[in-house]
Amino acid sequence: MMTPKNQLTKEERLLERDRSKLFNELEREKLQLIKNIKQQTKEDILPKIPEKKSLWKRIIKVLMG
């Protein structure tokens, strides 16, 4: 039969092991997210600014259809 103190230390070790496992998993996910963000380009995140067309280009576009 286990003493209450033994039971508590066993539970404490299990909780500590779970905590470290979760911490490691979180770190892996953070590194993966950082890697994904670094692979993105500015154009992927921000929309392109529409190019302003000169008056002549607009006239030609209207005439040519």
N, C-alpha and C. Protein backbone atom coordinates (compact mmCIF):
# COMPACT_ATOMS: atom_id res chain seq x y z
N MET A 1 0.84 -1.18 0.00
CA MET A 1 0.00 0.00 0.00
C MET A 1 0.88 1.24 0.00
N MET A 2 0.50 2.24 -0.76
CA MET A 2 1.29 3.46 -0.89
C MET A 2 0.90 4.44 0.21
N THR A 3 1.90 5.12 0.68
CA THR A 3 1.62 6.16 1.66
C THR A 3 1.14 7.40 0.93
N PRO A 4 0.42 8.25 1.59
CA PRO A 4 -0.08 9.47 0.93
C PRO A 4 1.04 10.32 0.34
N LYS A 5 2.18 10.35 1.03
CA LYS A 5 3.29 11.15 0.54
C LYS A 5 3.85 10.56 -0.76
N ASN A 6 3.95 9.23 -0.81
CA ASN A 6 4.42 8.57 -2.02
C ASN A 6 3.48 8.83 -3.18
N GLN A 7 2.20 8.75 -2.90
CA GLN A 7 1.19 8.98 -3.94
C GLN A 7 1.30 10.41 -4.49
N LEU A 8 1.51 11.35 -3.59
CA LEU A 8 1.62 12.76 -4.01
C LEU A 8 2.87 12.99 -4.87
N THR A 9 3.99 12.40 -4.48
CA THR A 9 5.20 12.58 -5.27
C THR A 9 5.06 11.92 -6.64
N LYS A 10 4.39 10.78 -6.69
CA LYS A 10 4.17 10.12 -7.96
C LYS A 10 3.29 10.99 -8.86
N GLU A 11 2.22 11.55 -8.32
CA GLU A 11 1.35 12.43 -9.08
C GLU A 11 2.09 13.70 -9.51
N GLU A 12 2.93 14.19 -8.63
CA GLU A 12 3.71 15.39 -8.94
C GLU A 12 4.65 15.12 -10.13
N ARG A 13 5.29 13.96 -10.14
CA ARG A 13 6.18 13.60 -11.25
C ARG A 13 5.39 13.46 -12.55
N LEU A 14 4.22 12.85 -12.48
CA LEU A 14 3.39 12.71 -13.67
C LEU A 14 2.96 14.07 -14.21
N LEU A 15 2.56 14.95 -13.31
CA LEU A 15 2.16 16.29 -13.73
C LEU A 15 3.33 17.07 -14.33
N GLU A 16 4.48 16.92 -13.74
CA GLU A 16 5.67 17.60 -14.24
C GLU A 16 6.05 17.07 -15.63
N ARG A 17 5.94 15.78 -15.82
CA ARG A 17 6.23 15.19 -17.12
C ARG A 17 5.23 15.69 -18.17
N ASP A 18 3.95 15.76 -17.82
CA ASP A 18 2.94 16.27 -18.73
C ASP A 18 3.19 17.75 -19.05
N ARG A 19 3.56 18.50 -18.05
CA ARG A 19 3.84 19.92 -18.26
C ARG A 19 5.01 20.10 -19.21
N SER A 20 6.06 19.35 -19.02
CA SER A 20 7.22 19.48 -19.91
C SER A 20 6.88 19.02 -21.33
N LYS A 21 6.06 17.98 -21.46
CA LYS A 21 5.65 17.51 -22.78
C LYS A 21 4.84 18.59 -23.49
N LEU A 22 3.91 19.22 -22.77
CA LEU A 22 3.10 20.28 -23.36
C LEU A 22 3.96 21.50 -23.72
N PHE A 23 4.91 21.80 -22.87
CA PHE A 23 5.81 22.92 -23.14
C PHE A 23 6.62 22.67 -24.41
N ASN A 24 7.14 21.47 -24.57
CA ASN A 24 7.91 21.13 -25.77
C ASN A 24 7.04 21.19 -27.01
N GLU A 25 5.83 20.71 -26.91
CA GLU A 25 4.91 20.76 -28.04
C GLU A 25 4.60 22.21 -28.42
N LEU A 26 4.38 23.06 -27.43
CA LEU A 26 4.13 24.47 -27.67
C LEU A 26 5.32 25.13 -28.36
N GLU A 27 6.51 24.82 -27.92
CA GLU A 27 7.72 25.39 -28.54
C GLU A 27 7.85 24.95 -30.00
N ARG A 28 7.55 23.68 -30.28
CA ARG A 28 7.60 23.21 -31.67
C ARG A 28 6.58 23.95 -32.53
N GLU A 29 5.38 24.13 -32.00
CA GLU A 29 4.35 24.85 -32.75
C GLU A 29 4.74 26.31 -32.99
N LYS A 30 5.36 26.93 -32.00
CA LYS A 30 5.80 28.32 -32.16
C LYS A 30 6.87 28.42 -33.24
N LEU A 31 7.82 27.51 -33.23
CA LEU A 31 8.88 27.53 -34.24
C LEU A 31 8.31 27.28 -35.63
N GLN A 32 7.32 26.39 -35.73
CA GLN A 32 6.68 26.13 -37.03
C GLN A 32 5.95 27.38 -37.52
N LEU A 33 5.25 28.06 -36.62
CA LEU A 33 4.54 29.29 -36.98
C LEU A 33 5.52 30.37 -37.44
N ILE A 34 6.61 30.52 -36.73
CA ILE A 34 7.63 31.51 -37.11
C ILE A 34 8.19 31.17 -38.48
N LYS A 35 8.45 29.90 -38.73
CA LYS A 35 8.97 29.47 -40.03
C LYS A 35 7.97 29.80 -41.14
N ASN A 36 6.69 29.55 -40.90
CA ASN A 36 5.66 29.84 -41.89
C ASN A 36 5.55 31.34 -42.16
N ILE A 37 5.65 32.15 -41.12
CA ILE A 37 5.57 33.60 -41.27
C ILE A 37 6.76 34.11 -42.08
N LYS A 38 7.94 33.55 -41.82
CA LYS A 38 9.14 33.99 -42.54
C LYS A 38 9.06 33.65 -44.03
N GLN A 39 8.33 32.61 -44.37
CA GLN A 39 8.21 32.22 -45.78
C GLN A 39 7.26 33.12 -46.55
N GLN A 40 6.41 33.86 -45.84
CA GLN A 40 5.45 34.74 -46.50
C GLN A 40 6.17 35.97 -47.04
N THR A 41 5.65 36.49 -48.14
CA THR A 41 6.20 37.72 -48.69
C THR A 41 5.24 38.87 -48.39
N LYS A 42 5.71 40.06 -48.61
CA LYS A 42 4.90 41.24 -48.35
C LYS A 42 3.64 41.22 -49.20
N GLU A 43 3.76 40.77 -50.44
CA GLU A 43 2.62 40.73 -51.35
C GLU A 43 1.56 39.74 -50.89
N ASP A 44 1.97 38.67 -50.19
CA ASP A 44 1.01 37.69 -49.69
C ASP A 44 0.15 38.28 -48.58
N ILE A 45 0.71 39.21 -47.83
CA ILE A 45 0.01 39.75 -46.66
C ILE A 45 -0.77 41.02 -47.00
N LEU A 46 -0.12 41.93 -47.71
CA LEU A 46 -0.75 43.21 -48.03
C LEU A 46 -1.24 43.21 -49.47
N PRO A 47 -2.40 43.79 -49.71
CA PRO A 47 -2.88 43.86 -51.10
C PRO A 47 -2.03 44.84 -51.91
N LYS A 48 -1.95 44.57 -53.22
CA LYS A 48 -1.17 45.47 -54.07
C LYS A 48 -1.92 46.79 -54.23
N ILE A 49 -1.14 47.85 -54.28
CA ILE A 49 -1.72 49.17 -54.48
C ILE A 49 -2.02 49.30 -55.97
N PRO A 50 -3.26 49.68 -56.31
CA PRO A 50 -3.59 49.79 -57.74
C PRO A 50 -2.73 50.85 -58.41
N GLU A 51 -2.28 50.53 -59.61
CA GLU A 51 -1.43 51.45 -60.36
C GLU A 51 -2.29 52.56 -60.93
N LYS A 52 -1.87 53.81 -60.74
CA LYS A 52 -2.61 54.94 -61.30
C LYS A 52 -2.27 55.05 -62.77
N LYS A 53 -3.32 55.09 -63.59
CA LYS A 53 -3.12 55.18 -65.03
C LYS A 53 -3.22 56.65 -65.45
N SER A 54 -2.40 56.97 -66.42
CA SER A 54 -2.43 58.34 -66.93
C SER A 54 -3.72 58.56 -67.72
N LEU A 55 -4.01 59.81 -67.96
CA LEU A 55 -5.23 60.16 -68.70
C LEU A 55 -5.24 59.50 -70.07
N TRP A 56 -4.07 59.49 -70.75
CA TRP A 56 -4.00 58.90 -72.09
C TRP A 56 -4.25 57.39 -72.05
N LYS A 57 -3.73 56.73 -71.05
CA LYS A 57 -3.94 55.28 -70.94
C LYS A 57 -5.40 54.97 -70.69
N ARG A 58 -6.08 55.79 -69.89
CA ARG A 58 -7.50 55.59 -69.64
C ARG A 58 -8.32 55.84 -70.91
N ILE A 59 -7.97 56.87 -71.65
CA ILE A 59 -8.68 57.18 -72.91
C ILE A 59 -8.52 56.03 -73.90
N ILE A 60 -7.28 55.54 -74.03
CA ILE A 60 -7.01 54.43 -74.95
C ILE A 60 -7.80 53.19 -74.53
N LYS A 61 -7.84 52.93 -73.23
CA LYS A 61 -8.58 51.77 -72.73
C LYS A 61 -10.07 51.89 -73.08
N VAL A 62 -10.63 53.09 -72.90
CA VAL A 62 -12.04 53.29 -73.20
C VAL A 62 -12.31 53.13 -74.70
N LEU A 63 -11.42 53.69 -75.52
CA LEU A 63 -11.60 53.60 -76.97
C LEU A 63 -11.39 52.18 -77.50
N MET A 64 -10.45 51.47 -76.95
CA MET A 64 -10.15 50.12 -77.44
C MET A 64 -11.09 49.07 -76.84
N GLY A 65 -11.77 49.39 -75.77
CA GLY A 65 -12.76 48.48 -75.18
C GLY A 65 -12.12 47.59 -74.25
